[in-house]
Every structure is written in C-alpha cells, then in structure tokens.
C-alpha cells in the first residue's frame, strides 16, 4: 500500500493560516459578542442571569411549564441562581443517552469575609478571603470592582455592583513601594504577600460626628443610605472582589481576547451559543453550567451535587410513564459528555514548564485533553481510547481545527476539571476546551480563533 509521507505524520494546524476571508470575519464577529458576554459576567449569579435571559429569548421554557416532553422541546432549569441546565429533547429520547457539555461559571476571585469592614489609621478596608487558586501578588495595585448580593433577614435581596459602570469608583489593594521592599523582595514569591494582607481600600473621609472609627462609620452610613444594609448584613452577603473593566482586544492585529474569568466562562459562552443554535438533535442535547469547580466541585451547586441527576429525572418522568431510578442510571451509563474547560497554552516566556510535544498552542484550535490531574494522573478521568477516536472523527468530519494538550510537565504540578465527577456517574467523558495564557490571573488571554473553533466543536457535538 502506497501512502503519502505527510499522512504518516501528525501535523499541527493553525486556524489563522487555514482561514479564508469569510471565516476570518466570522471569528472576529463571534469574539465581539463573546467580549460583551464576559464583560457582564463578573459573578456566577450575573453569568447565570445572562444564560437564562438568552435561553428564554431563544424559545427555552422552564421545566415546570411542561406537562409532557417531545422531540424539539427546549427546556431550562436553574438552581439557586448558580447552576443551569439547558436541554433540547432529541428524536431518540433520553433512553438512548444524552450528549452533555458541562462547564463551570465560577472563577478565581476574592470574597469578602463575613465581618469584613474595619478602620486602621483613618483608612477603611474590607477584609477578603481568596477563592480558588490565585497568585496573591497579582491582585495588588490594580483597579478592582465589587459585585454580589446582600440577603436581608426580611427576605429582600440587595444587589451591589460598584466599579464597572461609567463614573463608578474602583477599589484597590495597596502594595509596598520598592524603596522599602527589601525584606519582601527576599521572600519566596508565594510568601511575599500573605492572604490576610489582601485588604480592600474603600474609604478615607471620616464622618463629622462620633468618638471612634469615624471613617468606618462614614462607610456604613453611605451603604445604608444607598442600599439599606447595615454591618450585620455582611454576614448574609455574597460579595466578590473582581478586576474592574471590560474585555479587551490584545495585539496590533486584535487576534486575542484579554479578560477576567475566561477560565471557564469562555466555555460557558461557547456551549451556550452552541445549544441556542441547535435544531432537534438525534440524542437529547444538554448544556450544564455548574458552580464551585475552582474549590473542588463540592456543595449542592457543584458537580458533586445532585442537580444534574434530579433534572434528568424530572425530564424522564415527563417522557416515560414508568421512569424510575434504574431508568436514570441507564441514561447516565449510555451518555457521552465533554468536560468543557480550558488548559494551559504554551507560553514562550515560560516554556520550561511545558513538554512541547504535548502542549497546546494559541491559535491551534480547540484542545482535546485525554487526562488532566497532577503528577501520576491523580484525580483525573483519563478518557478511553475509543472516546478519543470518536472525538477525532467528529472534529475531522466537521473540518474543525483541533489539537491535543497536557497541563504542563509531569512533575511540574497540574490541575483538574469536572470530567472525573461526570465519569463517576457513568458517562464517557473527554476534556474539550481552549488554551489560555496567564490562566487564573486577573487578565487571561485567549485566541479568538480558538474560541470560535471551540464553539463549532460544541455545536457539532450537540448535533449528534
């Protein structure tokens, strides 16, 4: 058998090099819509609100509005304003399994402590507790915003968003000037800034009357006059400190998106767009948007909770008269899922942490990752070879540019996704997302080309 030598080799592709004029414009247009989404998704609740609004405008209806389900029905279910399931019922029904794309809405950030407000040297601060894996020094001396809710004991929920609207003040965490930083500069990078130093500067004008903590009292008065909240109300609040500002184009050629929270809201947006545009598929298509991935996927809104199973059970009972627990287990065991999450892109400035043969490149297309985990594949799914072959075939058939990726050298560190938790429920699962630079930083960088190819991959998967 005679075969061309090029067919023997694995050749990486670059989306930009393969794109014609029309595709180039499609990539750029798609990125503009994505930038608008992520700029207005600074918290999980805000992200979920956008998902729900777009779903309802595209014909999805809450599950409790259906008396029965049929192929083509478009369903949405939310849970505690932090998790969402969207589904388009397929021709084959649930009993043939589902195609699931699961992404997470939470991102690394700083949360306010339950009793955060204090005054020191006539300055008012809010104490924070970091959420997820961050480099603490990256959060100093940058403009920050405050997003979230305060739940009052009378049942009212007060929304607070300061720092991202025109004319808003921003907040900041101060850094030590280099002239006096001799001891700080001699510390390990991980120890140079302590978690308890991440205190947000929020005020400096004292109230006219009062014996002590007059700046703190002035802030409390301002908060009460504007929002009707008191100091005790912070105990029942979810307030998140996030980078201020919108998403940016990066580069003279505008080839990249720079934004906060692209891990993993880029996959949230791509899977949202994909399921909004799917017709009536063969298998029932499900887009799952889940919380708490950055802290271990625990809690009732995380992947370890029962939200997915409960919603599928509710759908099953609207489709089949004798649906039961065994029916649900069979659905899960015959289903296939994409764990929609990002991976590390090869950065020439830090290429020593990557093994080049197996590192993803920006511009190289959607990334299919067989395993994540740390060192000895700890806490990973490790997709079966058959599943990897299936994904290769799906992407090639739809002319989607793709690549493989691995999260750094074996002994360098590592990280995980929700893939292993989905797999534990019976699914065949593979990780599928895009590569980022500066992952978990206040500004993460993604290629517009990769974002677009990722969306195309999810759309092709939903159309099965």
Protein backbone atom coordinates (compact mmCIF):
# COMPACT_ATOMS: atom_id res chain seq x y z
CA UNK A 1 0.00 0.00 0.00
CA UNK A 2 1.45 3.35 -1.05
CA UNK A 3 0.83 6.25 1.35
CA UNK A 4 1.95 9.86 1.25
CA UNK A 5 4.60 10.63 3.91
CA UNK A 6 2.53 13.59 5.12
CA UNK A 7 -0.22 11.14 6.02
CA UNK A 8 2.16 9.30 8.33
CA UNK A 9 2.95 12.35 10.43
CA UNK A 10 0.78 14.25 12.88
CA UNK A 11 0.79 17.86 11.72
CA UNK A 12 -0.36 20.73 13.89
CA UNK A 13 -2.54 23.30 12.19
CA UNK A 14 -3.06 27.00 12.84
CA UNK A 15 -6.58 28.36 12.50
CA UNK A 16 -5.45 31.72 11.14
CA UNK A 17 -3.36 30.08 8.41
CA UNK A 18 -6.29 27.91 7.34
CA UNK A 19 -8.99 30.59 7.48
CA UNK A 20 -10.33 32.29 4.38
CA UNK A 21 -11.71 35.84 4.39
CA UNK A 22 -15.20 34.78 5.42
CA UNK A 23 -14.01 32.64 8.31
CA UNK A 24 -11.69 35.41 9.49
CA UNK A 25 -14.66 37.76 9.68
CA UNK A 26 -16.80 35.12 11.42
CA UNK A 27 -14.08 34.71 14.05
CA UNK A 28 -13.87 38.43 14.67
CA UNK A 29 -17.65 38.91 14.85
CA UNK A 30 -18.04 35.99 17.23
CA UNK A 31 -15.36 37.45 19.50
CA UNK A 32 -17.19 40.77 19.78
CA UNK A 33 -20.32 39.05 21.05
CA UNK A 34 -18.25 36.95 23.44
CA UNK A 35 -16.49 40.02 24.84
CA UNK A 36 -19.86 41.58 25.65
CA UNK A 37 -20.94 38.42 27.48
CA UNK A 38 -17.85 38.01 29.60
CA UNK A 39 -17.64 41.71 30.43
CA UNK A 40 -21.08 41.42 32.02
CA UNK A 41 -20.49 38.10 33.81
CA UNK A 42 -18.32 39.17 36.73
CA UNK A 43 -20.03 36.81 39.21
CA UNK A 44 -21.74 33.41 38.99
CA UNK A 45 -25.14 35.00 39.53
CA UNK A 46 -24.54 37.57 36.79
CA UNK A 47 -23.34 34.84 34.45
CA UNK A 48 -26.43 32.73 35.18
CA UNK A 49 -28.73 35.72 34.58
CA UNK A 50 -27.23 36.17 31.12
CA UNK A 51 -27.61 32.48 30.33
CA UNK A 52 -31.25 32.47 31.40
CA UNK A 53 -32.11 35.67 29.53
CA UNK A 54 -30.62 34.38 26.29
CA UNK A 55 -32.26 30.98 26.70
CA UNK A 56 -35.72 32.44 27.24
CA UNK A 57 -35.31 34.70 24.22
CA UNK A 58 -34.50 31.61 22.10
CA UNK A 59 -37.58 29.61 22.99
CA UNK A 60 -36.39 27.68 26.03
CA UNK A 61 -39.03 27.30 28.75
CA UNK A 62 -38.69 26.40 32.44
CA UNK A 63 -39.19 22.69 33.01
CA UNK A 64 -42.15 23.21 35.34
CA UNK A 65 -44.12 24.76 32.46
CA UNK A 66 -44.21 21.43 30.59
CA UNK A 67 -46.85 18.76 31.18
CA UNK A 68 -45.04 16.38 28.85
CA UNK A 69 -41.94 16.50 26.64
CA UNK A 70 -41.46 15.65 22.96
CA UNK A 71 -38.59 15.91 20.46
CA UNK A 72 -37.63 19.50 19.80
CA UNK A 73 -38.80 20.84 23.17
CA UNK A 74 -36.35 23.31 24.68
CA UNK A 75 -36.01 23.14 28.45
CA UNK A 76 -34.22 25.22 31.06
CA UNK A 77 -33.82 24.53 34.77
CA UNK A 78 -31.99 26.75 37.25
CA UNK A 79 -30.82 26.08 40.78
CA UNK A 80 -30.13 28.72 43.43
CA UNK A 81 -29.12 31.26 40.74
CA UNK A 82 -25.75 29.49 40.37
CA UNK A 83 -26.38 26.40 38.25
CA UNK A 84 -28.31 25.99 35.00
CA UNK A 85 -29.28 23.08 32.76
CA UNK A 86 -30.47 23.71 29.21
CA UNK A 87 -31.70 20.87 27.03
CA UNK A 88 -33.13 20.24 23.58
CA UNK A 89 -35.03 16.94 23.51
CA UNK A 90 -33.77 14.68 20.74
CA UNK A 91 -35.55 12.36 18.33
CA UNK A 92 -34.13 9.29 20.08
CA UNK A 93 -35.29 10.23 23.57
CA UNK A 94 -33.44 10.09 26.86
CA UNK A 95 -33.28 6.31 26.93
CA UNK A 96 -30.61 6.39 24.18
CA UNK A 97 -28.42 8.63 26.34
CA UNK A 98 -27.62 12.31 26.13
CA UNK A 99 -24.82 14.50 24.78
CA UNK A 100 -23.68 16.71 27.64
CA UNK A 101 -21.35 19.71 27.58
CA UNK A 102 -20.50 20.74 31.13
CA UNK A 103 -18.72 24.00 32.01
CA UNK A 104 -18.33 25.99 35.22
CA UNK A 105 -19.47 29.52 35.94
CA UNK A 106 -17.22 30.21 38.95
CA UNK A 107 -13.75 31.72 38.61
CA UNK A 108 -10.89 32.64 40.98
CA UNK A 109 -11.58 35.82 42.93
CA UNK A 110 -11.55 37.45 46.37
CA UNK A 111 -14.62 37.03 48.59
CA UNK A 112 -15.46 39.38 51.43
CA UNK A 113 -15.25 37.83 54.88
CA UNK A 114 -18.48 37.69 56.95
CA UNK A 115 -17.32 40.63 59.08
CA UNK A 116 -15.10 42.49 56.62
CA UNK A 117 -15.22 46.21 57.42
CA UNK A 118 -12.60 47.77 59.68
CA UNK A 119 -10.70 51.02 60.14
CA UNK A 120 -6.97 51.46 60.62
CA UNK A 121 -5.10 54.79 60.68
CA UNK A 122 -8.12 56.70 59.40
CA UNK A 123 -8.46 54.35 56.40
CA UNK A 124 -11.38 51.97 55.87
CA UNK A 125 -10.80 48.48 54.48
CA UNK A 126 -12.73 45.33 53.64
CA UNK A 127 -11.09 42.02 54.57
CA UNK A 128 -11.15 39.28 51.92
CA UNK A 129 -10.65 35.53 51.62
CA UNK A 130 -9.38 34.33 48.26
CA UNK A 131 -11.43 31.80 46.32
CA UNK A 132 -9.70 29.26 44.10
CA UNK A 133 -6.07 29.19 43.03
CA UNK A 134 -4.57 32.65 42.66
CA UNK A 135 -1.15 34.27 42.74
CA UNK A 136 -1.83 36.74 45.54
CA UNK A 137 0.66 39.36 44.35
CA UNK A 138 -1.28 39.78 41.07
CA UNK A 139 -4.19 41.36 42.94
CA UNK A 140 -2.21 44.27 44.39
CA UNK A 141 -2.24 47.77 42.88
CA UNK A 142 -4.84 47.00 40.19
CA UNK A 143 -8.35 48.50 39.83
CA UNK A 144 -10.94 46.25 41.46
CA UNK A 145 -14.74 46.12 41.46
CA UNK A 146 -17.25 44.72 43.95
CA UNK A 147 -20.09 42.50 42.71
CA UNK A 148 -22.68 40.43 44.54
CA UNK A 149 -25.72 40.35 46.76
CA UNK A 150 -26.68 41.06 50.35
CA UNK A 151 -29.57 38.99 51.72
CA UNK A 152 -31.54 40.77 54.44
CA UNK A 153 -33.42 38.99 57.22
CA UNK A 154 -36.74 40.33 55.91
CA UNK A 155 -36.23 38.33 52.69
CA UNK A 156 -35.08 41.14 50.44
CA UNK A 157 -32.00 40.63 48.26
CA UNK A 158 -29.93 43.74 47.58
CA UNK A 159 -27.59 43.73 44.60
CA UNK A 160 -24.32 45.64 44.85
CA UNK A 161 -22.21 46.27 41.75
CA UNK A 162 -19.60 49.00 42.05
CA UNK A 163 -16.58 49.59 39.84
CA UNK A 164 -17.69 48.65 36.34
CA UNK A 165 -20.24 51.28 35.38
CA UNK A 166 -19.21 54.64 33.87
CA UNK A 167 -18.46 57.09 36.66
CA UNK A 168 -18.11 54.39 39.33
CA UNK A 169 -15.26 54.49 41.82
CA UNK A 170 -13.00 51.47 41.91
CA UNK A 171 -11.20 49.82 44.81
CA UNK A 172 -7.63 48.65 45.31
CA UNK A 173 -5.33 46.59 47.48
CA UNK A 174 -2.16 48.55 48.19
CA UNK A 175 1.35 47.28 47.52
CA UNK A 176 4.64 48.06 49.21
CA UNK A 177 6.83 50.63 47.50
CA UNK A 178 10.11 49.20 46.10
CA UNK A 179 12.14 51.67 48.18
CA UNK A 180 11.09 49.84 51.37
CA UNK A 181 10.57 46.34 49.99
CA UNK A 182 13.98 44.83 50.76
CA UNK A 183 12.59 42.12 53.07
CA UNK A 184 9.56 41.49 50.87
CA UNK A 185 11.71 41.04 47.77
CA UNK A 186 13.87 38.45 49.53
CA UNK A 187 10.88 36.20 50.26
CA UNK A 188 9.64 33.40 48.02
CA UNK A 189 7.07 34.66 45.54
CA UNK A 190 4.37 32.53 47.22
CA UNK A 191 5.15 34.14 50.61
CA UNK A 192 5.74 37.76 49.63
CA UNK A 193 2.04 38.59 50.07
CA UNK A 194 0.00 36.88 52.77
CA UNK A 195 -3.68 36.14 52.42
CA UNK A 196 -4.51 38.37 55.36
CA UNK A 197 -2.87 41.32 53.56
CA UNK A 198 -5.43 41.26 50.76
CA UNK A 199 -7.47 44.06 52.31
CA UNK A 200 -9.51 46.28 50.03
CA UNK A 201 -9.17 50.05 50.46
CA UNK A 202 -12.71 51.50 50.44
CA UNK A 203 -12.69 54.89 52.16
CA UNK A 204 -10.83 57.69 53.92
CA UNK A 205 -13.27 60.51 54.77
CA UNK A 206 -14.45 60.48 58.42
CA UNK A 207 -18.00 61.21 59.49
CA UNK A 208 -18.34 64.62 61.16
CA UNK A 209 -19.55 63.28 64.49
CA UNK A 210 -18.55 60.23 66.52
CA UNK A 211 -15.97 59.18 69.05
CA UNK A 212 -14.02 56.50 67.17
CA UNK A 213 -13.84 54.65 63.82
CA UNK A 214 -15.37 57.65 62.12
CA UNK A 215 -14.22 56.58 58.64
CA UNK A 216 -15.80 53.16 59.13
CA UNK A 217 -19.00 54.82 60.33
CA UNK A 218 -19.00 57.06 57.27
CA UNK A 219 -18.81 53.99 55.00
CA UNK A 220 -21.59 52.27 56.95
CA UNK A 221 -23.76 55.36 56.65
CA UNK A 222 -23.10 55.51 52.91
CA UNK A 223 -24.01 51.84 52.49
CA UNK A 224 -27.20 52.23 54.50
CA UNK A 225 -28.33 55.33 52.64
CA UNK A 226 -27.71 53.77 49.22
CA UNK A 227 -28.51 50.09 49.79
CA UNK A 228 -30.32 49.85 53.12
CA UNK A 229 -27.73 47.46 54.58
CA UNK A 230 -26.04 47.50 57.98
CA UNK A 231 -22.78 45.99 59.19
CA UNK A 232 -24.54 42.85 60.43
CA UNK A 233 -25.97 42.27 56.94
CA UNK A 234 -22.48 41.44 55.65
CA UNK A 235 -22.88 38.10 57.45
CA UNK A 236 -25.54 37.05 54.94
CA UNK A 237 -23.84 38.52 51.86
CA UNK A 238 -22.04 37.09 48.85
CA UNK A 239 -19.79 39.91 47.71
CA UNK A 240 -16.94 39.23 45.31
CA UNK A 241 -13.91 41.40 44.56
CA UNK A 242 -13.04 41.14 40.87
CA UNK A 243 -10.89 43.09 38.40
CA UNK A 244 -12.60 46.22 37.14
CA UNK A 245 -13.02 46.87 33.43
CA UNK A 246 -14.24 45.13 30.30
CA UNK A 247 -12.73 42.56 27.98
CA UNK A 248 -10.01 43.86 25.67
CA UNK A 249 -8.61 43.16 22.24
CA UNK A 250 -4.93 42.28 22.60
CA UNK A 251 -2.31 42.80 19.91
CA UNK A 252 -1.91 45.14 16.96
CA UNK A 253 -3.87 42.62 14.92
CA UNK A 254 -6.53 42.16 17.64
CA UNK A 255 -6.01 38.39 17.50
CA UNK A 256 -6.52 37.78 21.22
CA UNK A 257 -9.15 38.46 23.88
CA UNK A 258 -7.85 39.62 27.24
CA UNK A 259 -10.43 39.32 30.02
CA UNK A 260 -11.02 38.28 33.59
CA UNK A 261 -12.71 34.93 34.16
CA UNK A 262 -12.09 33.20 30.84
CA UNK A 263 -11.44 30.07 32.89
CA UNK A 264 -14.12 28.92 32.43
CA UNK A 265 -16.64 31.42 31.14
CA UNK A 266 -15.23 31.13 27.63
CA UNK A 267 -16.52 27.54 27.58
CA UNK A 268 -19.76 28.69 29.20
CA UNK A 269 -20.36 31.10 26.35
CA UNK A 270 -19.34 28.66 23.62
CA UNK A 271 -21.63 25.91 24.90
CA UNK A 272 -24.46 28.41 25.44
CA UNK A 273 -24.19 29.68 21.86
CA UNK A 274 -23.99 26.12 20.56
CA UNK A 275 -27.14 24.87 22.27
CA UNK A 276 -29.07 28.02 21.41
CA UNK A 277 -28.43 27.29 17.73
CA UNK A 278 -29.02 23.53 17.67
CA UNK A 279 -32.13 22.19 15.95
CA UNK A 280 -33.78 18.96 17.03
CA UNK A 281 -30.81 16.62 17.51
CA UNK A 282 -30.64 12.83 17.38
CA UNK A 283 -29.68 12.46 21.01
CA UNK A 284 -31.02 14.81 23.65
CA UNK A 285 -28.54 17.70 23.96
CA UNK A 286 -27.74 19.09 27.41
CA UNK A 287 -25.65 22.14 28.32
CA UNK A 288 -24.78 22.14 32.02
CA UNK A 289 -23.44 25.25 33.74
CA UNK A 290 -22.19 24.41 37.20
CA UNK A 291 -20.61 26.16 40.19
CA UNK A 292 -17.75 25.54 42.68
CA UNK A 293 -15.25 23.90 40.28
CA UNK A 294 -12.44 26.13 41.45
CA UNK A 295 -12.84 24.91 45.04
CA UNK A 296 -13.33 21.20 44.40
CA UNK A 297 -16.83 20.96 42.85
CA UNK A 298 -18.40 20.45 46.27
CA UNK A 299 -21.72 21.82 47.52
CA UNK A 300 -25.21 21.45 46.09
CA UNK A 301 -24.45 23.77 43.15
CA UNK A 302 -21.20 21.97 42.30
CA UNK A 303 -20.71 18.98 40.04
CA UNK A 304 -20.69 16.66 43.07
CA UNK A 305 -24.25 17.75 43.89
CA UNK A 306 -27.43 16.16 42.54
CA UNK A 307 -28.63 18.95 40.26
CA UNK A 308 -27.91 17.10 37.01
CA UNK A 309 -29.44 13.79 38.15
CA UNK A 310 -32.51 15.47 39.64
CA UNK A 311 -33.21 17.49 36.49
CA UNK A 312 -32.75 14.49 34.20
CA UNK A 313 -35.11 12.52 36.45
CA UNK A 314 -37.71 15.29 36.17
CA UNK A 315 -37.36 15.23 32.38
CA UNK A 316 -37.56 11.45 32.32
CA UNK A 317 -40.86 11.46 34.20
CA UNK A 318 -42.29 13.84 31.59
CA UNK A 319 -41.21 11.49 28.81
CA UNK A 320 -41.88 8.00 30.16
CA UNK A 321 -44.76 6.80 32.39
CA UNK A 322 -42.68 4.22 34.27
CA UNK A 323 -39.50 6.22 34.73
CA UNK A 324 -37.55 5.27 37.88
CA UNK A 325 -34.08 5.31 39.45
CA UNK A 326 -32.90 2.42 37.28
CA UNK A 327 -34.04 4.30 34.18
CA UNK A 328 -31.91 7.27 35.24
CA UNK A 329 -28.85 5.10 35.79
CA UNK A 330 -29.21 3.60 32.33
CA UNK A 331 -29.41 7.06 30.78
CA UNK A 332 -26.20 8.12 32.51
CA UNK A 333 -24.41 4.91 31.52
CA UNK A 334 -25.24 5.34 27.82
CA UNK A 335 -24.36 9.04 27.62
CA UNK A 336 -21.29 10.91 26.41
CA UNK A 337 -20.00 14.21 27.74
CA UNK A 338 -17.48 16.93 27.07
CA UNK A 339 -15.91 18.45 30.14
CA UNK A 340 -15.76 21.97 28.76
CA UNK A 341 -12.77 23.56 30.43
CA UNK A 342 -9.60 25.39 29.49
CA UNK A 343 -6.00 24.23 29.56
CA UNK A 344 -2.58 25.86 29.62
CA UNK A 345 -1.21 27.27 26.39
CA UNK A 346 2.48 27.14 25.56
CA UNK A 347 3.95 30.49 26.58
CA UNK A 348 7.41 31.19 25.05
CA UNK A 349 8.22 33.30 28.12
CA UNK A 350 7.74 30.27 30.40
CA UNK A 351 8.14 27.31 28.07
CA UNK A 352 10.30 25.40 30.56
CA UNK A 353 7.21 24.21 32.47
CA UNK A 354 5.69 22.58 29.39
CA UNK A 355 6.59 19.44 27.45
CA UNK A 356 6.44 20.85 23.94
CA UNK A 357 5.33 17.73 22.08
CA UNK A 358 2.15 17.62 24.15
CA UNK A 359 1.49 21.30 24.82
CA UNK A 360 -1.40 23.23 23.28
CA UNK A 361 -0.68 26.36 21.25
CA UNK A 362 -2.77 29.51 21.00
CA UNK A 363 -4.24 29.59 17.51
CA UNK A 364 -4.03 25.81 17.22
CA UNK A 365 -7.76 25.27 17.53
CA UNK A 366 -9.94 23.55 20.12
CA UNK A 367 -7.99 21.37 22.57
CA UNK A 368 -8.93 17.75 23.26
CA UNK A 369 -7.31 16.61 26.51
CA UNK A 370 -7.16 12.92 27.33
CA UNK A 371 -6.31 13.42 31.00
CA UNK A 372 -5.65 16.19 33.50
CA UNK A 373 -4.79 15.64 37.16
CA UNK A 374 -1.44 16.08 38.87
CA UNK A 375 1.73 14.04 38.63
CA UNK A 376 0.57 10.40 38.47
CA UNK A 377 -2.74 11.40 36.84
CA UNK A 378 -4.22 11.95 40.28
CA UNK A 379 -7.90 12.98 40.25
CA UNK A 380 -8.33 12.60 36.52
CA UNK A 381 -10.82 10.96 34.19
CA UNK A 382 -8.30 9.73 31.56
CA UNK A 383 -10.61 9.30 28.57
CA UNK A 384 -10.76 5.89 26.93
CA UNK A 385 -9.03 5.45 23.59
CA UNK A 386 -12.41 4.81 21.93
CA UNK A 387 -13.68 8.17 23.20
CA UNK A 388 -10.61 9.96 21.88
CA UNK A 389 -11.06 8.29 18.49
CA UNK A 390 -14.72 9.33 18.45
CA UNK A 391 -13.76 12.98 19.09
CA UNK A 392 -11.09 12.91 16.41
CA UNK A 393 -13.63 11.63 13.92
CA UNK A 394 -16.27 14.19 14.91
CA UNK A 395 -13.87 17.11 14.56
CA UNK A 396 -12.35 15.91 11.28
CA UNK A 397 -15.79 15.25 9.79
CA UNK A 398 -16.83 18.82 10.58
CA UNK A 399 -13.49 20.33 9.44
CA UNK A 400 -12.84 21.77 12.88
CA UNK A 401 -9.18 22.51 13.63
CA UNK A 402 -8.12 20.80 16.83
CA UNK A 403 -5.08 19.84 18.86
CA UNK A 404 -4.19 17.88 21.95
CA UNK A 405 -2.96 19.37 25.19
CA UNK A 406 -1.49 18.48 28.55
CA UNK A 407 -1.27 20.63 31.68
CA UNK A 408 2.49 21.00 31.94
CA UNK A 409 5.37 18.65 32.63
CA UNK A 410 4.59 15.60 34.74
CA UNK A 411 6.33 16.73 37.94
CA UNK A 412 5.62 20.44 37.48
CA UNK A 413 2.17 20.48 39.07
CA UNK A 414 -1.16 20.03 37.36
CA UNK A 415 -4.86 20.60 37.85
CA UNK A 416 -8.25 19.05 37.33
CA UNK A 417 -11.69 19.59 35.84
CA UNK A 418 -15.19 18.21 36.42
CA UNK A 419 -14.50 15.34 33.99
CA UNK A 420 -13.82 12.67 36.63
CA UNK A 421 -17.00 13.57 38.52
CA UNK A 422 -19.12 13.28 35.37
CA UNK A 423 -17.45 9.97 34.58
CA UNK A 424 -18.25 8.60 38.02
CA UNK A 425 -21.94 8.92 37.10
CA UNK A 426 -21.47 6.60 34.11
CA UNK A 427 -20.71 8.97 31.22
CA UNK A 428 -18.00 8.56 28.64
CA UNK A 429 -16.10 11.84 29.08
CA UNK A 430 -13.28 13.77 27.45
CA UNK A 431 -11.98 17.26 28.24
CA UNK A 432 -12.51 19.73 25.42
CA UNK A 433 -11.84 23.48 25.59
CA UNK A 434 -9.26 26.08 24.63
CA UNK A 435 -5.74 27.03 25.67
CA UNK A 436 -5.11 30.18 27.72
CA UNK A 437 -2.11 32.26 28.65
CA UNK A 438 -1.98 33.71 32.19
CA UNK A 439 -4.63 31.30 33.47
CA UNK A 440 -6.12 32.34 36.84
CA UNK A 441 -4.60 35.82 36.54
CA UNK A 442 -6.79 38.95 36.70
CA UNK A 443 -6.32 39.17 32.91
CA UNK A 444 -6.36 35.89 30.98
CA UNK A 445 -5.51 35.68 27.27
CA UNK A 446 -7.27 33.57 24.63
CA UNK A 447 -7.01 33.36 20.86
CA UNK A 448 -10.15 34.49 19.05
CA UNK A 449 -9.56 31.70 16.55
CA UNK A 450 -9.57 29.04 19.27
CA UNK A 451 -12.73 30.47 20.83
CA UNK A 452 -14.54 30.15 17.51
CA UNK A 453 -13.33 26.60 16.81
CA UNK A 454 -14.36 25.56 20.31
CA UNK A 455 -17.88 26.85 19.69
CA UNK A 456 -18.00 24.93 16.42
CA UNK A 457 -16.88 21.76 18.20
CA UNK A 458 -19.63 22.01 20.83
CA UNK A 459 -22.22 22.72 18.14
CA UNK A 460 -21.18 19.64 16.15
CA UNK A 461 -21.29 17.54 19.33
CA UNK A 462 -24.82 18.72 20.18
CA UNK A 463 -25.99 17.91 16.66
CA UNK A 464 -25.25 14.16 17.04
